[in-house]
PDB file of all heavy atoms in Angstrom:
ATOM      1  N   LEU A   1       0.824  -1.194  -0.022  1.00  0.00           N
ATOM      2  CA  LEU A   1      -0.011   0.002  -0.014  1.00  0.00           C
ATOM      3  C   LEU A   1       0.841   1.250  -0.026  1.00  0.00           C
ATOM      4  O   LEU A   1       0.533   2.224  -0.717  1.00  0.00           O
ATOM      5  CB  LEU A   1      -0.950   0.029   1.190  1.00  0.00           C
ATOM      6  CG  LEU A   1      -2.265  -0.688   0.943  1.00  0.00           C
ATOM      7  CD1 LEU A   1      -2.970  -0.941   2.375  1.00  0.00           C
ATOM      8  CD2 LEU A   1      -3.234   0.168   0.100  1.00  0.00           C
ATOM      9  N   ILE A   2       1.902   1.236   0.764  1.00  0.00           N
ATOM     10  CA  ILE A   2       2.839   2.361   0.805  1.00  0.00           C
ATOM     11  C   ILE A   2       3.467   2.560  -0.534  1.00  0.00           C
ATOM     12  O   ILE A   2       3.562   3.729  -1.053  1.00  0.00           O
ATOM     13  CB  ILE A   2       3.908   2.205   1.958  1.00  0.00           C
ATOM     14  CG1 ILE A   2       3.197   2.252   3.331  1.00  0.00           C
ATOM     15  CG2 ILE A   2       5.001   3.271   1.809  1.00  0.00           C
ATOM     16  CD1 ILE A   2       4.202   1.884   4.451  1.00  0.00           C
ATOM     17  N   TYR A   3       3.899   1.450  -1.142  1.00  0.00           N
ATOM     18  CA  TYR A   3       4.567   1.539  -2.439  1.00  0.00           C
ATOM     19  C   TYR A   3       3.498   2.023  -3.466  1.00  0.00           C
ATOM     20  O   TYR A   3       3.811   2.923  -4.314  1.00  0.00           O
ATOM     21  CB  TYR A   3       4.973   0.105  -2.875  1.00  0.00           C
ATOM     22  CG  TYR A   3       5.508  -0.002  -4.254  1.00  0.00           C
ATOM     23  CD1 TYR A   3       6.800   0.313  -4.561  1.00  0.00           C
ATOM     24  CD2 TYR A   3       4.712  -0.465  -5.248  1.00  0.00           C
ATOM     25  CE1 TYR A   3       7.344   0.257  -5.844  1.00  0.00           C
ATOM     26  CE2 TYR A   3       5.179  -0.636  -6.613  1.00  0.00           C
ATOM     27  CZ  TYR A   3       6.497  -0.249  -6.866  1.00  0.00           C
ATOM     28  OH  TYR A   3       6.982  -0.371  -8.157  1.00  0.00           O
ATOM     29  N   ALA A   4       2.304   1.510  -3.424  1.00  0.00           N
ATOM     30  CA  ALA A   4       1.265   1.925  -4.416  1.00  0.00           C
ATOM     31  C   ALA A   4       0.877   3.416  -4.290  1.00  0.00           C
ATOM     32  O   ALA A   4       0.718   4.054  -5.275  1.00  0.00           O
ATOM     33  CB  ALA A   4       0.004   1.057  -4.158  1.00  0.00           C
ATOM     34  N   PHE A   5       0.790   3.891  -3.065  1.00  0.00           N
ATOM     35  CA  PHE A   5       0.441   5.308  -2.858  1.00  0.00           C
ATOM     36  C   PHE A   5       1.528   6.216  -3.530  1.00  0.00           C
ATOM     37  O   PHE A   5       1.256   7.187  -4.102  1.00  0.00           O
ATOM     38  CB  PHE A   5       0.299   5.714  -1.373  1.00  0.00           C
ATOM     39  CG  PHE A   5      -1.122   5.552  -0.930  1.00  0.00           C
ATOM     40  CD1 PHE A   5      -1.731   4.328  -0.798  1.00  0.00           C
ATOM     41  CD2 PHE A   5      -1.828   6.719  -0.533  1.00  0.00           C
ATOM     42  CE1 PHE A   5      -3.059   4.252  -0.407  1.00  0.00           C
ATOM     43  CE2 PHE A   5      -3.161   6.618  -0.146  1.00  0.00           C
ATOM     44  CZ  PHE A   5      -3.821   5.400  -0.046  1.00  0.00           C
ATOM     45  N   ALA A   6       2.844   5.783  -3.334  1.00  0.00           N
ATOM     46  CA  ALA A   6       3.933   6.522  -3.950  1.00  0.00           C
ATOM     47  C   ALA A   6       3.941   6.442  -5.428  1.00  0.00           C
ATOM     48  O   ALA A   6       4.021   7.430  -6.163  1.00  0.00           O
ATOM     49  CB  ALA A   6       5.247   6.004  -3.388  1.00  0.00           C
ATOM     50  N   GLN A   7       3.675   5.247  -6.019  1.00  0.00           N
ATOM     51  CA  GLN A   7       3.801   4.981  -7.435  1.00  0.00           C
ATOM     52  C   GLN A   7       2.541   5.685  -8.161  1.00  0.00           C
ATOM     53  O   GLN A   7       2.661   6.213  -9.258  1.00  0.00           O
ATOM     54  CB  GLN A   7       3.659   3.461  -7.690  1.00  0.00           C
ATOM     55  CG  GLN A   7       4.971   2.793  -7.432  1.00  0.00           C
ATOM     56  CD  GLN A   7       6.120   3.248  -8.340  1.00  0.00           C
ATOM     57  OE1 GLN A   7       6.936   3.978  -7.887  1.00  0.00           O
ATOM     58  NE2 GLN A   7       6.138   2.861  -9.557  1.00  0.00           N
ATOM     59  N   ALA A   8       1.331   5.673  -7.511  1.00  0.00           N
ATOM     60  CA  ALA A   8       0.198   6.218  -8.165  1.00  0.00           C
ATOM     61  C   ALA A   8       0.067   7.755  -8.055  1.00  0.00           C
ATOM     62  O   ALA A   8      -0.844   8.311  -8.614  1.00  0.00           O
ATOM     63  CB  ALA A   8      -1.057   5.595  -7.574  1.00  0.00           C
ATOM     64  N   GLY A   9       0.965   8.332  -7.382  1.00  0.00           N
ATOM     65  CA  GLY A   9       0.887   9.814  -7.236  1.00  0.00           C
ATOM     66  C   GLY A   9      -0.202  10.221  -6.232  1.00  0.00           C
ATOM     67  O   GLY A   9      -0.817  11.320  -6.356  1.00  0.00           O
ATOM     68  N   ALA A  10      -0.452   9.377  -5.238  1.00  0.00           N
ATOM     69  CA  ALA A  10      -1.567   9.629  -4.305  1.00  0.00           C
ATOM     70  C   ALA A  10      -1.032  10.373  -3.103  1.00  0.00           C
ATOM     71  O   ALA A  10      -1.676  10.422  -2.020  1.00  0.00           O
ATOM     72  CB  ALA A  10      -2.203   8.276  -3.845  1.00  0.00           C
ATOM     73  N   VAL A  11       0.179  10.984  -3.147  1.00  0.00           N
ATOM     74  CA  VAL A  11       0.714  11.709  -2.046  1.00  0.00           C
ATOM     75  C   VAL A  11       1.130  13.088  -2.464  1.00  0.00           C
ATOM     76  O   VAL A  11       1.811  13.308  -3.450  1.00  0.00           O
ATOM     77  CB  VAL A  11       2.044  10.977  -1.514  1.00  0.00           C
ATOM     78  CG1 VAL A  11       2.601  11.697  -0.353  1.00  0.00           C
ATOM     79  CG2 VAL A  11       1.702   9.508  -1.194  1.00  0.00           C
ATOM     80  N   GLN A  12       0.663  14.082  -1.721  1.00  0.00           N
ATOM     81  CA  GLN A  12       1.162  15.418  -1.943  1.00  0.00           C
ATOM     82  C   GLN A  12       1.699  15.935  -0.617  1.00  0.00           C
ATOM     83  O   GLN A  12       2.855  15.645  -0.252  1.00  0.00           O
ATOM     84  CB  GLN A  12       0.051  16.335  -2.460  1.00  0.00           C
ATOM     85  CG  GLN A  12      -0.158  16.104  -3.959  1.00  0.00           C
ATOM     86  CD  GLN A  12      -1.014  17.200  -4.591  1.00  0.00           C
ATOM     87  OE1 GLN A  12      -1.045  18.331  -4.212  1.00  0.00           O
ATOM     88  NE2 GLN A  12      -1.796  16.793  -5.653  1.00  0.00           N
ATOM     89  N   CYS A  13       0.987  16.629   0.202  1.00  0.00           N
ATOM     90  CA  CYS A  13       1.528  17.120   1.491  1.00  0.00           C
ATOM     91  C   CYS A  13       1.896  15.925   2.393  1.00  0.00           C
ATOM     92  O   CYS A  13       2.749  15.999   3.179  1.00  0.00           O
ATOM     93  CB  CYS A  13       0.647  18.133   2.169  1.00  0.00           C
ATOM     94  SG  CYS A  13      -0.679  17.397   3.153  1.00  0.00           S
ATOM     95  N   GLY A  14       1.094  14.857   2.293  1.00  0.00           N
ATOM     96  CA  GLY A  14       1.341  13.654   3.036  1.00  0.00           C
ATOM     97  C   GLY A  14       0.802  13.584   4.436  1.00  0.00           C
ATOM     98  O   GLY A  14       0.934  12.542   5.126  1.00  0.00           O
ATOM     99  N   PHE A  15       0.163  14.661   4.931  1.00  0.00           N
ATOM    100  CA  PHE A  15      -0.320  14.652   6.335  1.00  0.00           C
ATOM    101  C   PHE A  15      -1.424  13.597   6.531  1.00  0.00           C
ATOM    102  O   PHE A  15      -1.462  12.918   7.517  1.00  0.00           O
ATOM    103  CB  PHE A  15      -0.787  16.014   6.737  1.00  0.00           C
ATOM    104  CG  PHE A  15      -1.026  16.144   8.185  1.00  0.00           C
ATOM    105  CD1 PHE A  15      -0.003  16.385   9.067  1.00  0.00           C
ATOM    106  CD2 PHE A  15      -2.290  15.990   8.740  1.00  0.00           C
ATOM    107  CE1 PHE A  15      -0.198  16.509  10.439  1.00  0.00           C
ATOM    108  CE2 PHE A  15      -2.580  16.150  10.072  1.00  0.00           C
ATOM    109  CZ  PHE A  15      -1.478  16.334  10.970  1.00  0.00           C
ATOM    110  N   CYS A  16      -2.347  13.512   5.482  1.00  0.00           N
ATOM    111  CA  CYS A  16      -3.497  12.640   5.642  1.00  0.00           C
ATOM    112  C   CYS A  16      -3.125  11.169   5.286  1.00  0.00           C
ATOM    113  O   CYS A  16      -3.904  10.280   5.557  1.00  0.00           O
ATOM    114  CB  CYS A  16      -4.609  13.093   4.804  1.00  0.00           C
ATOM    115  SG  CYS A  16      -4.390  12.931   3.063  1.00  0.00           S
ATOM    116  N   THR A  17      -2.019  11.000   4.555  1.00  0.00           N
ATOM    117  CA  THR A  17      -1.718   9.742   3.834  1.00  0.00           C
ATOM    118  C   THR A  17      -1.681   8.520   4.792  1.00  0.00           C
ATOM    119  O   THR A  17      -2.244   7.458   4.496  1.00  0.00           O
ATOM    120  CB  THR A  17      -0.414   9.841   3.056  1.00  0.00           C
ATOM    121  OG1 THR A  17      -0.477  11.012   2.205  1.00  0.00           O
ATOM    122  CG2 THR A  17      -0.251   8.620   2.205  1.00  0.00           C
ATOM    123  N   PRO A  18      -0.969   8.577   5.993  1.00  0.00           N
ATOM    124  CA  PRO A  18      -0.997   7.379   6.831  1.00  0.00           C
ATOM    125  C   PRO A  18      -2.368   6.954   7.197  1.00  0.00           C
ATOM    126  O   PRO A  18      -2.677   5.736   7.281  1.00  0.00           O
ATOM    127  CB  PRO A  18      -0.198   7.889   8.088  1.00  0.00           C
ATOM    128  CG  PRO A  18       0.715   8.974   7.476  1.00  0.00           C
ATOM    129  CD  PRO A  18      -0.084   9.653   6.482  1.00  0.00           C
ATOM    130  N   GLY A  19      -3.266   7.869   7.445  1.00  0.00           N
ATOM    131  CA  GLY A  19      -4.678   7.498   7.808  1.00  0.00           C
ATOM    132  C   GLY A  19      -5.393   6.782   6.677  1.00  0.00           C
ATOM    133  O   GLY A  19      -6.073   5.798   6.878  1.00  0.00           O
ATOM    134  N   PHE A  20      -5.110   7.256   5.461  1.00  0.00           N
ATOM    135  CA  PHE A  20      -5.682   6.571   4.288  1.00  0.00           C
ATOM    136  C   PHE A  20      -5.125   5.188   4.119  1.00  0.00           C
ATOM    137  O   PHE A  20      -5.845   4.223   3.745  1.00  0.00           O
ATOM    138  CB  PHE A  20      -5.438   7.411   2.973  1.00  0.00           C
ATOM    139  CG  PHE A  20      -6.442   8.466   2.721  1.00  0.00           C
ATOM    140  CD1 PHE A  20      -6.256   9.741   3.117  1.00  0.00           C
ATOM    141  CD2 PHE A  20      -7.635   8.119   2.072  1.00  0.00           C
ATOM    142  CE1 PHE A  20      -7.267  10.704   2.844  1.00  0.00           C
ATOM    143  CE2 PHE A  20      -8.601   9.067   1.749  1.00  0.00           C
ATOM    144  CZ  PHE A  20      -8.380  10.396   2.146  1.00  0.00           C
ATOM    145  N   VAL A  21      -3.790   5.094   4.329  1.00  0.00           N
ATOM    146  CA  VAL A  21      -3.163   3.706   4.171  1.00  0.00           C
ATOM    147  C   VAL A  21      -3.717   2.750   5.124  1.00  0.00           C
ATOM    148  O   VAL A  21      -3.960   1.584   4.792  1.00  0.00           O
ATOM    149  CB  VAL A  21      -1.650   3.890   4.291  1.00  0.00           C
ATOM    150  CG1 VAL A  21      -0.964   2.524   4.416  1.00  0.00           C
ATOM    151  CG2 VAL A  21      -1.055   4.642   3.112  1.00  0.00           C
ATOM    152  N   MET A  22      -3.881   3.205   6.385  1.00  0.00           N
ATOM    153  CA  MET A  22      -4.377   2.245   7.414  1.00  0.00           C
ATOM    154  C   MET A  22      -5.851   1.883   7.159  1.00  0.00           C
ATOM    155  O   MET A  22      -6.268   0.766   7.331  1.00  0.00           O
ATOM    156  CB  MET A  22      -4.266   2.883   8.799  1.00  0.00           C
ATOM    157  CG  MET A  22      -2.819   3.109   9.206  1.00  0.00           C
ATOM    158  SD  MET A  22      -1.750   1.647   9.027  1.00  0.00           S
ATOM    159  CE  MET A  22      -2.466   0.608  10.314  1.00  0.00           C
ATOM    160  N   ALA A  23      -6.685   2.850   6.640  1.00  0.00           N
ATOM    161  CA  ALA A  23      -8.060   2.497   6.300  1.00  0.00           C
ATOM    162  C   ALA A  23      -8.097   1.524   5.169  1.00  0.00           C
ATOM    163  O   ALA A  23      -8.908   0.553   5.143  1.00  0.00           O
ATOM    164  CB  ALA A  23      -8.814   3.779   5.967  1.00  0.00           C
ATOM    165  N   ALA A  24      -7.199   1.683   4.203  1.00  0.00           N
ATOM    166  CA  ALA A  24      -7.137   0.783   3.076  1.00  0.00           C
ATOM    167  C   ALA A  24      -6.578  -0.599   3.494  1.00  0.00           C
ATOM    168  O   ALA A  24      -7.046  -1.640   2.966  1.00  0.00           O
ATOM    169  CB  ALA A  24      -6.279   1.384   1.962  1.00  0.00           C
ATOM    170  N   LYS A  25      -5.621  -0.557   4.401  1.00  0.00           N
ATOM    171  CA  LYS A  25      -5.121  -1.871   4.924  1.00  0.00           C
ATOM    172  C   LYS A  25      -6.201  -2.729   5.529  1.00  0.00           C
ATOM    173  O   LYS A  25      -6.279  -3.936   5.284  1.00  0.00           O
ATOM    174  CB  LYS A  25      -3.973  -1.587   5.952  1.00  0.00           C
ATOM    175  CG  LYS A  25      -3.438  -2.795   6.644  1.00  0.00           C
ATOM    176  CD  LYS A  25      -2.644  -3.725   5.693  1.00  0.00           C
ATOM    177  CE  LYS A  25      -1.698  -4.692   6.479  1.00  0.00           C
ATOM    178  NZ  LYS A  25      -2.355  -5.497   7.428  1.00  0.00           N
ATOM    179  N   ALA A  26      -7.019  -2.114   6.396  1.00  0.00           N
ATOM    180  CA  ALA A  26      -8.123  -2.861   7.020  1.00  0.00           C
ATOM    181  C   ALA A  26      -9.105  -3.442   5.991  1.00  0.00           C
ATOM    182  O   ALA A  26      -9.569  -4.523   6.118  1.00  0.00           O
ATOM    183  CB  ALA A  26      -8.871  -1.944   8.006  1.00  0.00           C
ATOM    184  N   LEU A  27      -9.350  -2.598   4.907  1.00  0.00           N
ATOM    185  CA  LEU A  27     -10.222  -3.080   3.834  1.00  0.00           C
ATOM    186  C   LEU A  27      -9.620  -4.237   3.076  1.00  0.00           C
ATOM    187  O   LEU A  27     -10.334  -5.307   2.925  1.00  0.00           O
ATOM    188  CB  LEU A  27     -10.489  -1.872   2.887  1.00  0.00           C
ATOM    189  CG  LEU A  27     -11.187  -2.260   1.574  1.00  0.00           C
ATOM    190  CD1 LEU A  27     -12.620  -2.782   1.925  1.00  0.00           C
ATOM    191  CD2 LEU A  27     -11.187  -1.086   0.615  1.00  0.00           C
ATOM    192  N   LEU A  28      -8.357  -4.160   2.660  1.00  0.00           N
ATOM    193  CA  LEU A  28      -7.787  -5.217   1.915  1.00  0.00           C
ATOM    194  C   LEU A  28      -7.588  -6.457   2.746  1.00  0.00           C
ATOM    195  O   LEU A  28      -7.556  -7.581   2.159  1.00  0.00           O
ATOM    196  CB  LEU A  28      -6.459  -4.749   1.298  1.00  0.00           C
ATOM    197  CG  LEU A  28      -6.473  -3.696   0.244  1.00  0.00           C
ATOM    198  CD1 LEU A  28      -5.092  -3.383  -0.305  1.00  0.00           C
ATOM    199  CD2 LEU A  28      -7.434  -3.994  -0.898  1.00  0.00           C
ATOM    200  N   ASP A  29      -7.411  -6.360   3.985  1.00  0.00           N
ATOM    201  CA  ASP A  29      -7.296  -7.584   4.826  1.00  0.00           C
ATOM    202  C   ASP A  29      -8.556  -8.355   4.862  1.00  0.00           C
ATOM    203  O   ASP A  29      -8.463  -9.627   4.964  1.00  0.00           O
ATOM    204  CB  ASP A  29      -6.938  -7.150   6.217  1.00  0.00           C
ATOM    205  CG  ASP A  29      -5.402  -6.792   6.370  1.00  0.00           C
ATOM    206  OD1 ASP A  29      -4.650  -7.014   5.427  1.00  0.00           O
ATOM    207  OD2 ASP A  29      -5.007  -6.232   7.425  1.00  0.00           O
ATOM    208  N   ARG A  30      -9.749  -7.749   4.800  1.00  0.00           N
ATOM    209  CA  ARG A  30     -10.930  -8.515   4.821  1.00  0.00           C
ATOM    210  C   ARG A  30     -11.533  -8.673   3.403  1.00  0.00           C
ATOM    211  O   ARG A  30     -12.351  -9.557   3.214  1.00  0.00           O
ATOM    212  CB  ARG A  30     -11.978  -7.744   5.676  1.00  0.00           C
ATOM    213  CG  ARG A  30     -12.464  -6.413   5.191  1.00  0.00           C
ATOM    214  CD  ARG A  30     -13.565  -5.823   6.028  1.00  0.00           C
ATOM    215  NE  ARG A  30     -14.131  -4.575   5.556  1.00  0.00           N
ATOM    216  CZ  ARG A  30     -13.677  -3.412   5.854  1.00  0.00           C
ATOM    217  NH1 ARG A  30     -12.649  -3.310   6.756  1.00  0.00           N
ATOM    218  NH2 ARG A  30     -14.161  -2.307   5.355  1.00  0.00           N
ATOM    219  N   ASP A  31     -11.115  -7.914   2.414  1.00  0.00           N
ATOM    220  CA  ASP A  31     -11.576  -8.009   1.050  1.00  0.00           C
ATOM    221  C   ASP A  31     -10.463  -7.671   0.115  1.00  0.00           C
ATOM    222  O   ASP A  31     -10.229  -6.554  -0.240  1.00  0.00           O
ATOM    223  CB  ASP A  31     -12.759  -7.095   0.776  1.00  0.00           C
ATOM    224  CG  ASP A  31     -13.391  -7.219  -0.566  1.00  0.00           C
ATOM    225  OD1 ASP A  31     -12.865  -8.004  -1.361  1.00  0.00           O
ATOM    226  OD2 ASP A  31     -14.321  -6.486  -0.868  1.00  0.00           O
ATOM    227  N   PRO A  32      -9.667  -8.699  -0.346  1.00  0.00           N
ATOM    228  CA  PRO A  32      -8.482  -8.411  -1.150  1.00  0.00           C
ATOM    229  C   PRO A  32      -8.793  -7.837  -2.461  1.00  0.00           C
ATOM    230  O   PRO A  32      -7.859  -7.226  -3.093  1.00  0.00           O
ATOM    231  CB  PRO A  32      -7.908  -9.885  -1.335  1.00  0.00           C
ATOM    232  CG  PRO A  32      -8.527 -10.691  -0.151  1.00  0.00           C
ATOM    233  CD  PRO A  32      -9.819 -10.138   0.040  1.00  0.00           C
ATOM    234  N   ASN A  33      -9.936  -7.900  -2.955  1.00  0.00           N
ATOM    235  CA  ASN A  33     -10.285  -7.362  -4.264  1.00  0.00           C
ATOM    236  C   ASN A  33     -11.637  -6.521  -4.217  1.00  0.00           C
ATOM    237  O   ASN A  33     -12.595  -6.902  -4.792  1.00  0.00           O
ATOM    238  CB  ASN A  33     -10.443  -8.434  -5.339  1.00  0.00           C
ATOM    239  CG  ASN A  33     -10.619  -7.937  -6.684  1.00  0.00           C
ATOM    240  OD1 ASN A  33     -10.102  -6.881  -7.099  1.00  0.00           O
ATOM    241  ND2 ASN A  33     -11.296  -8.702  -7.571  1.00  0.00           N
ATOM    242  N   PRO A  34     -11.515  -5.403  -3.486  1.00  0.00           N
ATOM    243  CA  PRO A  34     -12.775  -4.675  -3.300  1.00  0.00           C
ATOM    244  C   PRO A  34     -13.178  -3.854  -4.565  1.00  0.00           C
ATOM    245  O   PRO A  34     -12.339  -3.463  -5.301  1.00  0.00           O
ATOM    246  CB  PRO A  34     -12.403  -3.676  -2.175  1.00  0.00           C
ATOM    247  CG  PRO A  34     -10.926  -3.484  -2.313  1.00  0.00           C
ATOM    248  CD  PRO A  34     -10.401  -4.796  -2.858  1.00  0.00           C
ATOM    249  N   GLY A  35     -14.528  -3.687  -4.742  1.00  0.00           N
ATOM    250  CA  GLY A  35     -14.996  -2.838  -5.803  1.00  0.00           C
ATOM    251  C   GLY A  35     -14.913  -1.357  -5.408  1.00  0.00           C
ATOM    252  O   GLY A  35     -14.568  -1.020  -4.270  1.00  0.00           O
ATOM    253  N   GLU A  36     -15.175  -0.481  -6.385  1.00  0.00           N
ATOM    254  CA  GLU A  36     -15.040   0.938  -6.198  1.00  0.00           C
ATOM    255  C   GLU A  36     -15.947   1.464  -5.014  1.00  0.00           C
ATOM    256  O   GLU A  36     -15.452   2.248  -4.212  1.00  0.00           O
ATOM    257  CB  GLU A  36     -15.410   1.646  -7.474  1.00  0.00           C
ATOM    258  CG  GLU A  36     -15.262   3.160  -7.384  1.00  0.00           C
ATOM    259  CD  GLU A  36     -15.496   3.805  -8.719  1.00  0.00           C
ATOM    260  OE1 GLU A  36     -15.039   3.330  -9.758  1.00  0.00           O
ATOM    261  OE2 GLU A  36     -16.148   4.877  -8.715  1.00  0.00           O
ATOM    262  N   GLU A  37     -17.163   0.929  -4.942  1.00  0.00           N
ATOM    263  CA  GLU A  37     -18.094   1.400  -3.933  1.00  0.00           C
ATOM    264  C   GLU A  37     -17.545   0.957  -2.484  1.00  0.00           C
ATOM    265  O   GLU A  37     -17.702   1.705  -1.551  1.00  0.00           O
ATOM    266  CB  GLU A  37     -19.500   0.843  -4.174  1.00  0.00           C
ATOM    267  CG  GLU A  37     -20.213   1.454  -5.336  1.00  0.00           C
ATOM    268  CD  GLU A  37     -20.199   3.007  -5.228  1.00  0.00           C
ATOM    269  OE1 GLU A  37     -20.533   3.541  -4.130  1.00  0.00           O
ATOM    270  OE2 GLU A  37     -19.869   3.664  -6.222  1.00  0.00           O
ATOM    271  N   ALA A  38     -16.969  -0.246  -2.416  1.00  0.00           N
ATOM    272  CA  ALA A  38     -16.455  -0.721  -1.128  1.00  0.00           C
ATOM    273  C   ALA A  38     -15.328   0.149  -0.747  1.00  0.00           C
ATOM    274  O   ALA A  38     -15.162   0.450   0.471  1.00  0.00           O
ATOM    275  CB  ALA A  38     -16.004  -2.200  -1.300  1.00  0.00           C
ATOM    276  N   VAL A  39     -14.404   0.588  -1.692  1.00  0.00           N
ATOM    277  CA  VAL A  39     -13.304   1.448  -1.306  1.00  0.00           C
ATOM    278  C   VAL A  39     -13.876   2.730  -0.854  1.00  0.00           C
ATOM    279  O   VAL A  39     -13.328   3.321   0.159  1.00  0.00           O
ATOM    280  CB  VAL A  39     -12.425   1.624  -2.599  1.00  0.00           C
ATOM    281  CG1 VAL A  39     -11.242   2.611  -2.265  1.00  0.00           C
ATOM    282  CG2 VAL A  39     -11.776   0.267  -2.956  1.00  0.00           C
TER     283      VAL A  39
END
């Protein structure tokens, strides 16, 4: 997830990014292939 955020250009100021990464981590742990609405 950290690698993907960097590669996709999903980081600018970076202050909110750790929170997004952790929310996404919890999602992928329970649903490895979530749809757009689930995300």
